[in-house]
Amino acid sequence: MKQNNYIYFPMMTVGEAAKYLGVGRKVIYQMIEFDQIRAVRENRAVLVEKRSLDEFRASGQLT
């Protein structure tokens, strides 16, 4: 997957991202840690880039 330095809106909270993919919050944090999806920390919140969730889902890695 080609990576760039831009973050695209809309953004989702970790809880929203977990619901969107149908996984637990812990899985989302692991995906962030392994650079499978893109996220940023704003104040104390972690926000996940929806575009990266869509790309991950389209890649077929989610079973």
PDB file of N, CA and C in Angstrom:
ATOM      1  N   MET A   1       0.837  -1.168   0.000  1.00  0.00           N
ATOM      2  CA  MET A   1       0.000   0.000   0.000  1.00  0.00           C
ATOM      3  C   MET A   1       0.890   1.241   0.000  1.00  0.00           C
ATOM      4  N   LYS A   2       0.592   2.153  -0.882  1.00  0.00           N
ATOM      5  CA  LYS A   2       1.362   3.390  -0.970  1.00  0.00           C
ATOM      6  C   LYS A   2       1.000   4.307   0.189  1.00  0.00           C
ATOM      7  N   GLN A   3       1.999   4.768   0.906  1.00  0.00           N
ATOM      8  CA  GLN A   3       1.780   5.655   2.046  1.00  0.00           C
ATOM      9  C   GLN A   3       2.212   7.069   1.685  1.00  0.00           C
ATOM     10  N   ASN A   4       1.477   8.049   2.210  1.00  0.00           N
ATOM     11  CA  ASN A   4       1.898   9.434   2.064  1.00  0.00           C
ATOM     12  C   ASN A   4       1.759  10.110   3.414  1.00  0.00           C
ATOM     13  N   ASN A   5       2.102  11.369   3.462  1.00  0.00           N
ATOM     14  CA  ASN A   5       2.113  12.083   4.734  1.00  0.00           C
ATOM     15  C   ASN A   5       0.819  12.820   5.026  1.00  0.00           C
ATOM     16  N   TYR A   6      -0.201  12.622   4.208  1.00  0.00           N
ATOM     17  CA  TYR A   6      -1.452  13.338   4.397  1.00  0.00           C
ATOM     18  C   TYR A   6      -2.462  12.494   5.155  1.00  0.00           C
ATOM     19  N   ILE A   7      -3.270  13.157   5.964  1.00  0.00           N
ATOM     20  CA  ILE A   7      -4.386  12.513   6.642  1.00  0.00           C
ATOM     21  C   ILE A   7      -5.652  13.086   6.029  1.00  0.00           C
ATOM     22  N   TYR A   8      -6.553  12.223   5.640  1.00  0.00           N
ATOM     23  CA  TYR A   8      -7.776  12.649   4.967  1.00  0.00           C
ATOM     24  C   TYR A   8      -8.971  12.556   5.904  1.00  0.00           C
ATOM     25  N   PHE A   9      -9.860  13.505   5.785  1.00  0.00           N
ATOM     26  CA  PHE A   9     -11.115  13.491   6.533  1.00  0.00           C
ATOM     27  C   PHE A   9     -12.145  12.731   5.727  1.00  0.00           C
ATOM     28  N   PRO A  10     -13.142  12.125   6.316  1.00  0.00           N
ATOM     29  CA  PRO A  10     -13.517  12.220   7.724  1.00  0.00           C
ATOM     30  C   PRO A  10     -12.673  11.312   8.611  1.00  0.00           C
ATOM     31  N   MET A  11     -12.690  11.641   9.881  1.00  0.00           N
ATOM     32  CA  MET A  11     -11.997  10.852  10.894  1.00  0.00           C
ATOM     33  C   MET A  11     -13.044  10.205  11.793  1.00  0.00           C
ATOM     34  N   MET A  12     -12.662   9.094  12.424  1.00  0.00           N
ATOM     35  CA  MET A  12     -13.557   8.376  13.321  1.00  0.00           C
ATOM     36  C   MET A  12     -12.838   8.099  14.631  1.00  0.00           C
ATOM     37  N   THR A  13     -13.595   7.999  15.695  1.00  0.00           N
ATOM     38  CA  THR A  13     -13.000   7.565  16.954  1.00  0.00           C
ATOM     39  C   THR A  13     -12.669   6.084  16.836  1.00  0.00           C
ATOM     40  N   VAL A  14     -11.909   5.569  17.778  1.00  0.00           N
ATOM     41  CA  VAL A  14     -11.561   4.142  17.773  1.00  0.00           C
ATOM     42  C   VAL A  14     -12.835   3.299  17.898  1.00  0.00           C
ATOM     43  N   GLY A  15     -13.760   3.728  18.752  1.00  0.00           N
ATOM     44  CA  GLY A  15     -15.016   3.001  18.914  1.00  0.00           C
ATOM     45  C   GLY A  15     -15.832   2.969  17.630  1.00  0.00           C
ATOM     46  N   GLU A  16     -15.906   4.100  16.940  1.00  0.00           N
ATOM     47  CA  GLU A  16     -16.640   4.160  15.668  1.00  0.00           C
ATOM     48  C   GLU A  16     -15.965   3.285  14.615  1.00  0.00           C
ATOM     49  N   ALA A  17     -14.632   3.322  14.583  1.00  0.00           N
ATOM     50  CA  ALA A  17     -13.891   2.505  13.621  1.00  0.00           C
ATOM     51  C   ALA A  17     -14.110   1.019  13.883  1.00  0.00           C
ATOM     52  N   ALA A  18     -14.142   0.646  15.151  1.00  0.00           N
ATOM     53  CA  ALA A  18     -14.377  -0.755  15.507  1.00  0.00           C
ATOM     54  C   ALA A  18     -15.757  -1.206  15.033  1.00  0.00           C
ATOM     55  N   LYS A  19     -16.766  -0.380  15.268  1.00  0.00           N
ATOM     56  CA  LYS A  19     -18.118  -0.716  14.797  1.00  0.00           C
ATOM     57  C   LYS A  19     -18.157  -0.785  13.278  1.00  0.00           C
ATOM     58  N   TYR A  20     -17.488   0.136  12.618  1.00  0.00           N
ATOM     59  CA  TYR A  20     -17.476   0.214  11.158  1.00  0.00           C
ATOM     60  C   TYR A  20     -16.915  -1.070  10.539  1.00  0.00           C
ATOM     61  N   LEU A  21     -15.852  -1.612  11.148  1.00  0.00           N
ATOM     62  CA  LEU A  21     -15.246  -2.844  10.628  1.00  0.00           C
ATOM     63  C   LEU A  21     -15.810  -4.098  11.274  1.00  0.00           C
ATOM     64  N   GLY A  22     -16.586  -3.936  12.342  1.00  0.00           N
ATOM     65  CA  GLY A  22     -17.154  -5.108  13.020  1.00  0.00           C
ATOM     66  C   GLY A  22     -16.129  -5.863  13.840  1.00  0.00           C
ATOM     67  N   VAL A  23     -15.202  -5.126  14.440  1.00  0.00           N
ATOM     68  CA  VAL A  23     -14.163  -5.736  15.280  1.00  0.00           C
ATOM     69  C   VAL A  23     -14.142  -5.009  16.619  1.00  0.00           C
ATOM     70  N   GLY A  24     -13.339  -5.487  17.540  1.00  0.00           N
ATOM     71  CA  GLY A  24     -13.200  -4.846  18.837  1.00  0.00           C
ATOM     72  C   GLY A  24     -12.216  -3.686  18.793  1.00  0.00           C
ATOM     73  N   ARG A  25     -12.304  -2.834  19.810  1.00  0.00           N
ATOM     74  CA  ARG A  25     -11.405  -1.680  19.914  1.00  0.00           C
ATOM     75  C   ARG A  25      -9.944  -2.116  19.964  1.00  0.00           C
ATOM     76  N   LYS A  26      -9.676  -3.223  20.642  1.00  0.00           N
ATOM     77  CA  LYS A  26      -8.300  -3.724  20.754  1.00  0.00           C
ATOM     78  C   LYS A  26      -7.719  -4.042  19.372  1.00  0.00           C
ATOM     79  N   VAL A  27      -8.538  -4.580  18.499  1.00  0.00           N
ATOM     80  CA  VAL A  27      -8.090  -4.893  17.133  1.00  0.00           C
ATOM     81  C   VAL A  27      -7.712  -3.614  16.395  1.00  0.00           C
ATOM     82  N   ILE A  28      -8.508  -2.560  16.573  1.00  0.00           N
ATOM     83  CA  ILE A  28      -8.205  -1.282  15.928  1.00  0.00           C
ATOM     84  C   ILE A  28      -6.857  -0.752  16.420  1.00  0.00           C
ATOM     85  N   TYR A  29      -6.616  -0.803  17.728  1.00  0.00           N
ATOM     86  CA  TYR A  29      -5.323  -0.341  18.259  1.00  0.00           C
ATOM     87  C   TYR A  29      -4.170  -1.175  17.690  1.00  0.00           C
ATOM     88  N   GLN A  30      -4.379  -2.487  17.530  1.00  0.00           N
ATOM     89  CA  GLN A  30      -3.341  -3.338  16.952  1.00  0.00           C
ATOM     90  C   GLN A  30      -3.093  -2.980  15.492  1.00  0.00           C
ATOM     91  N   MET A  31      -4.154  -2.697  14.764  1.00  0.00           N
ATOM     92  CA  MET A  31      -4.017  -2.312  13.354  1.00  0.00           C
ATOM     93  C   MET A  31      -3.247  -0.992  13.217  1.00  0.00           C
ATOM     94  N   ILE A  32      -3.493  -0.078  14.146  1.00  0.00           N
ATOM     95  CA  ILE A  32      -2.749   1.191  14.152  1.00  0.00           C
ATOM     96  C   ILE A  32      -1.275   0.918  14.438  1.00  0.00           C
ATOM     97  N   GLU A  33      -1.009   0.077  15.430  1.00  0.00           N
ATOM     98  CA  GLU A  33       0.358  -0.238  15.817  1.00  0.00           C
ATOM     99  C   GLU A  33       1.145  -0.881  14.678  1.00  0.00           C
ATOM    100  N   PHE A  34       0.487  -1.727  13.883  1.00  0.00           N
ATOM    101  CA  PHE A  34       1.150  -2.427  12.789  1.00  0.00           C
ATOM    102  C   PHE A  34       1.047  -1.667  11.466  1.00  0.00           C
ATOM    103  N   ASP A  35       0.649  -0.381  11.523  1.00  0.00           N
ATOM    104  CA  ASP A  35       0.553   0.485  10.343  1.00  0.00           C
ATOM    105  C   ASP A  35      -0.364  -0.069   9.259  1.00  0.00           C
ATOM    106  N   GLN A  36      -1.409  -0.767   9.669  1.00  0.00           N
ATOM    107  CA  GLN A  36      -2.385  -1.258   8.705  1.00  0.00           C
ATOM    108  C   GLN A  36      -3.443  -0.201   8.418  1.00  0.00           C
ATOM    109  N   ILE A  37      -3.670   0.692   9.360  1.00  0.00           N
ATOM    110  CA  ILE A  37      -4.567   1.829   9.167  1.00  0.00           C
ATOM    111  C   ILE A  37      -3.885   3.071   9.736  1.00  0.00           C
ATOM    112  N   ARG A  38      -4.346   4.241   9.303  1.00  0.00           N
ATOM    113  CA  ARG A  38      -3.715   5.493   9.721  1.00  0.00           C
ATOM    114  C   ARG A  38      -4.563   6.165  10.797  1.00  0.00           C
ATOM    115  N   ALA A  39      -3.872   6.733  11.773  1.00  0.00           N
ATOM    116  CA  ALA A  39      -4.561   7.424  12.863  1.00  0.00           C
ATOM    117  C   ALA A  39      -3.681   8.549  13.376  1.00  0.00           C
ATOM    118  N   VAL A  40      -4.331   9.490  14.026  1.00  0.00           N
ATOM    119  CA  VAL A  40      -3.614  10.593  14.659  1.00  0.00           C
ATOM    120  C   VAL A  40      -4.144  10.756  16.077  1.00  0.00           C
ATOM    121  N   ARG A  41      -3.319  11.329  16.917  1.00  0.00           N
ATOM    122  CA  ARG A  41      -3.745  11.630  18.285  1.00  0.00           C
ATOM    123  C   ARG A  41      -4.032  13.120  18.350  1.00  0.00           C
ATOM    124  N   GLU A  42      -5.242  13.451  18.755  1.00  0.00           N
ATOM    125  CA  GLU A  42      -5.624  14.852  18.932  1.00  0.00           C
ATOM    126  C   GLU A  42      -6.040  15.027  20.377  1.00  0.00           C
ATOM    127  N   ASN A  43      -5.259  15.816  21.097  1.00  0.00           N
ATOM    128  CA  ASN A  43      -5.403  15.927  22.545  1.00  0.00           C
ATOM    129  C   ASN A  43      -5.270  14.534  23.135  1.00  0.00           C
ATOM    130  N   ARG A  44      -6.312  14.025  23.760  1.00  0.00           N
ATOM    131  CA  ARG A  44      -6.224  12.682  24.356  1.00  0.00           C
ATOM    132  C   ARG A  44      -6.952  11.641  23.521  1.00  0.00           C
ATOM    133  N   ALA A  45      -7.547  12.059  22.413  1.00  0.00           N
ATOM    134  CA  ALA A  45      -8.324  11.138  21.577  1.00  0.00           C
ATOM    135  C   ALA A  45      -7.486  10.619  20.416  1.00  0.00           C
ATOM    136  N   VAL A  46      -7.726   9.370  20.051  1.00  0.00           N
ATOM    137  CA  VAL A  46      -7.121   8.791  18.857  1.00  0.00           C
ATOM    138  C   VAL A  46      -8.193   8.799  17.776  1.00  0.00           C
ATOM    139  N   LEU A  47      -7.867   9.418  16.643  1.00  0.00           N
ATOM    140  CA  LEU A  47      -8.805   9.500  15.531  1.00  0.00           C
ATOM    141  C   LEU A  47      -8.263   8.698  14.360  1.00  0.00           C
ATOM    142  N   VAL A  48      -9.125   7.868  13.778  1.00  0.00           N
ATOM    143  CA  VAL A  48      -8.748   6.962  12.700  1.00  0.00           C
ATOM    144  C   VAL A  48      -9.257   7.532  11.374  1.00  0.00           C
ATOM    145  N   GLU A  49      -8.428   7.474  10.372  1.00  0.00           N
ATOM    146  CA  GLU A  49      -8.783   7.954   9.043  1.00  0.00           C
ATOM    147  C   GLU A  49      -9.734   6.955   8.382  1.00  0.00           C
ATOM    148  N   LYS A  50     -10.935   7.388   8.039  1.00  0.00           N
ATOM    149  CA  LYS A  50     -11.934   6.494   7.431  1.00  0.00           C
ATOM    150  C   LYS A  50     -11.436   5.929   6.106  1.00  0.00           C
ATOM    151  N   ARG A  51     -10.735   6.744   5.348  1.00  0.00           N
ATOM    152  CA  ARG A  51     -10.206   6.290   4.059  1.00  0.00           C
ATOM    153  C   ARG A  51      -9.296   5.063   4.234  1.00  0.00           C
ATOM    154  N   SER A  52      -8.476   5.060   5.275  1.00  0.00           N
ATOM    155  CA  SER A  52      -7.583   3.913   5.489  1.00  0.00           C
ATOM    156  C   SER A  52      -8.375   2.674   5.897  1.00  0.00           C
ATOM    157  N   LEU A  53      -9.503   2.869   6.598  1.00  0.00           N
ATOM    158  CA  LEU A  53     -10.367   1.732   6.930  1.00  0.00           C
ATOM    159  C   LEU A  53     -10.968   1.134   5.662  1.00  0.00           C
ATOM    160  N   ASP A  54     -11.420   2.000   4.759  1.00  0.00           N
ATOM    161  CA  ASP A  54     -11.987   1.533   3.494  1.00  0.00           C
ATOM    162  C   ASP A  54     -10.944   0.796   2.658  1.00  0.00           C
ATOM    163  N   GLU A  55      -9.718   1.333   2.628  1.00  0.00           N
ATOM    164  CA  GLU A  55      -8.642   0.682   1.875  1.00  0.00           C
ATOM    165  C   GLU A  55      -8.307  -0.678   2.485  1.00  0.00           C
ATOM    166  N   PHE A  56      -8.275  -0.747   3.813  1.00  0.00           N
ATOM    167  CA  PHE A  56      -7.973  -2.010   4.485  1.00  0.00           C
ATOM    168  C   PHE A  56      -9.074  -3.025   4.189  1.00  0.00           C
ATOM    169  N   ARG A  57     -10.320  -2.607   4.278  1.00  0.00           N
ATOM    170  CA  ARG A  57     -11.440  -3.505   3.985  1.00  0.00           C
ATOM    171  C   ARG A  57     -11.375  -4.001   2.550  1.00  0.00           C
ATOM    172  N   ALA A  58     -11.064  -3.114   1.607  1.00  0.00           N
ATOM    173  CA  ALA A  58     -10.995  -3.477   0.195  1.00  0.00           C
ATOM    174  C   ALA A  58      -9.829  -4.430  -0.102  1.00  0.00           C
ATOM    175  N   SER A  59      -8.801  -4.394   0.721  1.00  0.00           N
ATOM    176  CA  SER A  59      -7.631  -5.249   0.486  1.00  0.00           C
ATOM    177  C   SER A  59      -7.926  -6.718   0.755  1.00  0.00           C
ATOM    178  N   GLY A  60      -9.024  -7.005   1.434  1.00  0.00           N
ATOM    179  CA  GLY A  60      -9.382  -8.392   1.707  1.00  0.00           C
ATOM    180  C   GLY A  60      -8.661  -8.997   2.893  1.00  0.00           C
ATOM    181  N   GLN A  61      -7.930  -8.199   3.661  1.00  0.00           N
ATOM    182  CA  GLN A  61      -7.198  -8.723   4.807  1.00  0.00           C
ATOM    183  C   GLN A  61      -8.101  -8.977   6.003  1.00  0.00           C
ATOM    184  N   LEU A  62      -9.284  -8.385   5.986  1.00  0.00           N
ATOM    185  CA  LEU A  62     -10.221  -8.542   7.092  1.00  0.00           C
ATOM    186  C   LEU A  62     -11.069  -9.774   6.842  1.00  0.00           C
ATOM    187  N   THR A  63     -10.966 -10.753   7.745  1.00  0.00           N
ATOM    188  CA  THR A  63     -11.751 -11.983   7.557  1.00  0.00           C
ATOM    189  C   THR A  63     -12.767 -12.154   8.639  1.00  0.00           C
TER     190      THR A  63
END
